[in-house]
């Protein structure tokens, strides 16, 4: 998960025809990730991460694959995280 969000925007600029399985796989994984409140490293006990969430949303948008209704949990989490950081409150 950690690199998929950064990989897809780059692939969009390259010859993608040679890697359709990779793109399909990555888009599927990222679409599932944004259904949660913030994207996190999978299968780890890590909290949601703003960096991963941003790049996941950006990658989906780059490929015109961002479904705002499905991504609402991550978008809402991102908004709350932004507000917390602006006022300087720790989330945990």
N, C-alpha and C. Protein backbone atom coordinates (compact mmCIF):
# COMPACT_ATOMS: atom_id res chain seq x y z
N UNK A 1 0.82 -1.19 0.00
CA UNK A 1 0.00 0.00 0.00
C UNK A 1 0.86 1.25 0.00
N UNK A 2 2.00 1.15 0.66
CA UNK A 2 2.81 2.34 0.89
C UNK A 2 3.21 3.04 -0.41
N UNK A 3 3.52 2.30 -1.45
CA UNK A 3 3.99 2.93 -2.69
C UNK A 3 2.95 3.00 -3.80
N UNK A 4 1.84 2.33 -3.66
CA UNK A 4 0.85 2.33 -4.75
C UNK A 4 0.34 3.73 -5.06
N UNK A 5 0.11 4.52 -4.05
CA UNK A 5 -0.40 5.87 -4.26
C UNK A 5 0.57 6.75 -5.03
N UNK A 6 1.84 6.53 -4.86
CA UNK A 6 2.84 7.29 -5.60
C UNK A 6 3.12 6.69 -6.97
N UNK A 7 2.97 5.39 -7.09
CA UNK A 7 3.24 4.70 -8.34
C UNK A 7 2.24 5.06 -9.44
N UNK A 8 0.97 5.08 -9.11
CA UNK A 8 -0.05 5.27 -10.15
C UNK A 8 0.02 6.60 -10.87
N UNK A 9 0.20 7.75 -10.19
CA UNK A 9 0.34 8.99 -10.94
C UNK A 9 1.54 8.97 -11.90
N UNK A 10 2.62 8.29 -11.48
CA UNK A 10 3.80 8.18 -12.34
C UNK A 10 3.50 7.32 -13.55
N UNK A 11 2.83 6.19 -13.34
CA UNK A 11 2.47 5.32 -14.46
C UNK A 11 1.57 6.02 -15.47
N UNK A 12 0.76 6.93 -14.98
CA UNK A 12 -0.14 7.67 -15.88
C UNK A 12 0.66 8.46 -16.90
N UNK A 13 1.86 8.89 -16.52
CA UNK A 13 2.71 9.66 -17.41
C UNK A 13 3.55 8.78 -18.34
N UNK A 14 3.57 7.48 -18.06
CA UNK A 14 4.39 6.55 -18.84
C UNK A 14 3.51 5.73 -19.78
N UNK A 15 4.12 4.79 -20.47
CA UNK A 15 3.40 3.89 -21.38
C UNK A 15 2.64 2.86 -20.56
N UNK A 16 1.42 3.14 -20.23
CA UNK A 16 0.63 2.29 -19.34
C UNK A 16 0.13 1.03 -20.03
N UNK A 17 0.06 1.04 -21.31
CA UNK A 17 -0.47 -0.11 -22.03
C UNK A 17 0.27 -1.40 -21.69
N UNK A 18 1.51 -1.26 -21.25
CA UNK A 18 2.31 -2.44 -20.95
C UNK A 18 2.06 -3.00 -19.55
N UNK A 19 1.30 -2.28 -18.71
CA UNK A 19 1.11 -2.72 -17.33
C UNK A 19 -0.35 -2.68 -16.88
N UNK A 20 -1.30 -3.11 -17.70
CA UNK A 20 -2.71 -2.99 -17.28
C UNK A 20 -3.05 -3.79 -16.04
N UNK A 21 -2.44 -4.97 -15.86
CA UNK A 21 -2.75 -5.78 -14.68
C UNK A 21 -2.30 -5.07 -13.41
N UNK A 22 -1.15 -4.44 -13.46
CA UNK A 22 -0.64 -3.71 -12.30
C UNK A 22 -1.56 -2.54 -11.96
N UNK A 23 -1.99 -1.80 -12.97
CA UNK A 23 -2.88 -0.66 -12.73
C UNK A 23 -4.21 -1.13 -12.16
N UNK A 24 -4.78 -2.16 -12.75
CA UNK A 24 -6.05 -2.68 -12.24
C UNK A 24 -5.92 -3.15 -10.79
N UNK A 25 -4.85 -3.87 -10.50
CA UNK A 25 -4.59 -4.36 -9.14
C UNK A 25 -4.48 -3.18 -8.17
N UNK A 26 -3.67 -2.19 -8.54
CA UNK A 26 -3.44 -1.05 -7.66
C UNK A 26 -4.71 -0.24 -7.44
N UNK A 27 -5.46 0.01 -8.49
CA UNK A 27 -6.71 0.77 -8.34
C UNK A 27 -7.70 0.05 -7.43
N UNK A 28 -7.78 -1.26 -7.58
CA UNK A 28 -8.68 -2.03 -6.72
C UNK A 28 -8.28 -1.90 -5.26
N UNK A 29 -6.99 -2.05 -4.97
CA UNK A 29 -6.51 -1.96 -3.59
C UNK A 29 -6.74 -0.56 -3.02
N UNK A 30 -6.49 0.46 -3.82
CA UNK A 30 -6.64 1.83 -3.34
C UNK A 30 -8.11 2.19 -3.12
N UNK A 31 -8.99 1.70 -4.00
CA UNK A 31 -10.43 1.95 -3.81
C UNK A 31 -10.91 1.36 -2.50
N UNK A 32 -10.41 0.19 -2.15
CA UNK A 32 -10.78 -0.42 -0.88
C UNK A 32 -10.21 0.37 0.30
N UNK A 33 -9.00 0.86 0.15
CA UNK A 33 -8.34 1.57 1.26
C UNK A 33 -9.08 2.84 1.65
N UNK A 34 -9.62 3.57 0.68
CA UNK A 34 -10.28 4.85 1.00
C UNK A 34 -11.67 4.67 1.59
N UNK A 35 -12.14 3.45 1.66
CA UNK A 35 -13.44 3.20 2.31
C UNK A 35 -13.31 3.22 3.83
N UNK A 36 -12.08 3.30 4.31
CA UNK A 36 -11.81 3.37 5.74
C UNK A 36 -11.49 4.82 6.12
N UNK A 37 -11.61 5.16 7.41
CA UNK A 37 -11.25 6.51 7.85
C UNK A 37 -9.74 6.70 7.87
N UNK A 38 -9.18 7.06 6.75
CA UNK A 38 -7.74 7.26 6.61
C UNK A 38 -7.07 5.98 6.15
N UNK A 39 -6.06 6.13 5.32
CA UNK A 39 -5.32 4.98 4.79
C UNK A 39 -4.17 4.67 5.74
N UNK A 40 -3.94 3.40 5.94
CA UNK A 40 -2.88 2.96 6.85
C UNK A 40 -2.09 1.84 6.21
N UNK A 41 -0.93 1.55 6.76
CA UNK A 41 -0.14 0.40 6.30
C UNK A 41 -0.95 -0.84 6.63
N UNK A 42 -1.17 -1.67 5.65
CA UNK A 42 -2.01 -2.85 5.83
C UNK A 42 -1.38 -3.87 6.78
N UNK A 43 -2.27 -4.58 7.47
CA UNK A 43 -1.90 -5.70 8.34
C UNK A 43 -0.91 -5.30 9.42
N UNK A 44 -0.91 -4.05 9.76
CA UNK A 44 -0.06 -3.57 10.84
C UNK A 44 -0.95 -2.81 11.81
N UNK A 45 -0.46 -2.60 12.97
CA UNK A 45 -1.23 -1.88 13.97
C UNK A 45 -0.89 -0.39 13.94
N UNK A 46 -0.70 0.15 12.74
CA UNK A 46 -0.37 1.56 12.59
C UNK A 46 -1.64 2.38 12.47
N UNK A 47 -1.62 3.62 12.95
CA UNK A 47 -2.79 4.49 12.78
C UNK A 47 -2.90 4.99 11.34
N UNK A 48 -4.05 5.52 11.01
CA UNK A 48 -4.24 6.13 9.69
C UNK A 48 -3.19 7.21 9.50
N UNK A 49 -2.79 7.42 8.25
CA UNK A 49 -1.67 8.28 7.94
C UNK A 49 -2.06 9.29 6.86
N UNK A 50 -1.81 10.56 7.12
CA UNK A 50 -2.16 11.62 6.17
C UNK A 50 -1.41 11.51 4.86
N UNK A 51 -0.13 11.14 4.91
CA UNK A 51 0.68 10.97 3.71
C UNK A 51 0.08 9.90 2.80
N UNK A 52 -0.20 8.74 3.38
CA UNK A 52 -0.77 7.64 2.59
C UNK A 52 -2.16 7.99 2.07
N UNK A 53 -2.95 8.65 2.89
CA UNK A 53 -4.30 9.02 2.48
C UNK A 53 -4.25 10.00 1.32
N UNK A 54 -3.40 11.01 1.41
CA UNK A 54 -3.27 12.00 0.33
C UNK A 54 -2.89 11.33 -0.98
N UNK A 55 -1.82 10.52 -0.96
CA UNK A 55 -1.35 9.92 -2.20
C UNK A 55 -2.33 8.89 -2.76
N UNK A 56 -3.06 8.22 -1.90
CA UNK A 56 -4.08 7.29 -2.38
C UNK A 56 -5.20 8.03 -3.10
N UNK A 57 -5.69 9.10 -2.47
CA UNK A 57 -6.74 9.90 -3.10
C UNK A 57 -6.24 10.53 -4.40
N UNK A 58 -5.02 11.02 -4.39
CA UNK A 58 -4.44 11.65 -5.58
C UNK A 58 -4.29 10.64 -6.72
N UNK A 59 -3.84 9.44 -6.39
CA UNK A 59 -3.67 8.40 -7.41
C UNK A 59 -5.01 8.04 -8.04
N UNK A 60 -6.02 7.85 -7.23
CA UNK A 60 -7.35 7.52 -7.76
C UNK A 60 -7.87 8.64 -8.64
N UNK A 61 -7.68 9.87 -8.21
CA UNK A 61 -8.13 11.01 -9.01
C UNK A 61 -7.38 11.09 -10.34
N UNK A 62 -6.10 10.81 -10.32
CA UNK A 62 -5.28 10.85 -11.54
C UNK A 62 -5.82 9.88 -12.59
N UNK A 63 -6.34 8.75 -12.14
CA UNK A 63 -6.86 7.73 -13.05
C UNK A 63 -8.38 7.84 -13.23
N UNK A 64 -8.95 8.96 -12.80
CA UNK A 64 -10.41 9.17 -12.88
C UNK A 64 -11.15 8.01 -12.23
N UNK A 65 -10.62 7.51 -11.13
CA UNK A 65 -11.19 6.36 -10.44
C UNK A 65 -11.61 6.71 -9.01
N UNK A 66 -11.72 7.99 -8.72
CA UNK A 66 -12.09 8.41 -7.37
C UNK A 66 -13.60 8.54 -7.29
N UNK A 67 -14.21 7.65 -6.52
CA UNK A 67 -15.65 7.69 -6.26
C UNK A 67 -15.83 8.39 -4.92
N UNK A 68 -16.31 9.62 -4.97
CA UNK A 68 -16.40 10.43 -3.75
C UNK A 68 -17.29 9.80 -2.69
N UNK A 69 -18.34 9.12 -3.10
CA UNK A 69 -19.21 8.52 -2.09
C UNK A 69 -18.51 7.36 -1.37
N UNK A 70 -17.72 6.58 -2.09
CA UNK A 70 -16.97 5.50 -1.45
C UNK A 70 -15.80 6.02 -0.63
N UNK A 71 -15.24 7.14 -1.05
CA UNK A 71 -14.07 7.70 -0.37
C UNK A 71 -14.44 8.63 0.79
N UNK A 72 -15.72 8.78 1.07
CA UNK A 72 -16.15 9.68 2.14
C UNK A 72 -15.47 9.41 3.47
N UNK A 73 -15.31 8.16 3.90
CA UNK A 73 -14.63 7.94 5.18
C UNK A 73 -13.22 8.54 5.23
N UNK A 74 -12.44 8.36 4.16
CA UNK A 74 -11.08 8.91 4.14
C UNK A 74 -11.09 10.43 3.99
N UNK A 75 -12.02 10.95 3.22
CA UNK A 75 -12.10 12.40 3.06
C UNK A 75 -12.52 13.07 4.37
N UNK A 76 -13.46 12.47 5.07
CA UNK A 76 -13.91 13.01 6.35
C UNK A 76 -12.79 12.92 7.38
N UNK A 77 -12.08 11.80 7.40
CA UNK A 77 -10.95 11.65 8.30
C UNK A 77 -9.89 12.72 8.00
N UNK A 78 -9.61 12.93 6.72
CA UNK A 78 -8.60 13.92 6.31
C UNK A 78 -8.98 15.32 6.78
N UNK A 79 -10.24 15.66 6.64
CA UNK A 79 -10.71 16.97 7.09
C UNK A 79 -10.52 17.13 8.60
N UNK A 80 -10.91 16.12 9.35
CA UNK A 80 -10.74 16.16 10.79
C UNK A 80 -9.28 16.23 11.19
N UNK A 81 -8.43 15.49 10.50
CA UNK A 81 -7.00 15.50 10.78
C UNK A 81 -6.40 16.89 10.50
N UNK A 82 -6.84 17.50 9.43
CA UNK A 82 -6.38 18.85 9.10
C UNK A 82 -6.76 19.83 10.21
N UNK A 83 -8.00 19.76 10.63
CA UNK A 83 -8.46 20.65 11.72
C UNK A 83 -7.66 20.41 13.00
N UNK A 84 -7.42 19.13 13.33
CA UNK A 84 -6.64 18.82 14.54
C UNK A 84 -5.23 19.39 14.45
N UNK A 85 -4.62 19.28 13.28
CA UNK A 85 -3.26 19.78 13.13
C UNK A 85 -3.21 21.31 13.15
N UNK A 86 -4.23 21.94 12.62
CA UNK A 86 -4.27 23.41 12.64
C UNK A 86 -4.32 23.93 14.07
N UNK A 87 -5.11 23.28 14.91
CA UNK A 87 -5.24 23.74 16.29
C UNK A 87 -4.20 23.10 17.21
N UNK A 88 -3.42 22.16 16.70
CA UNK A 88 -2.36 21.57 17.47
C UNK A 88 -2.78 20.53 18.48
N UNK A 89 -3.85 19.79 18.20
CA UNK A 89 -4.33 18.75 19.11
C UNK A 89 -3.87 17.39 18.60
N UNK A 90 -3.33 16.58 19.49
CA UNK A 90 -2.92 15.22 19.12
C UNK A 90 -4.15 14.32 18.97
N UNK A 91 -4.10 13.41 18.00
CA UNK A 91 -5.24 12.51 17.78
C UNK A 91 -5.25 11.35 18.78
N UNK A 92 -4.14 11.00 19.38
CA UNK A 92 -4.09 9.92 20.36
C UNK A 92 -3.49 10.39 21.65
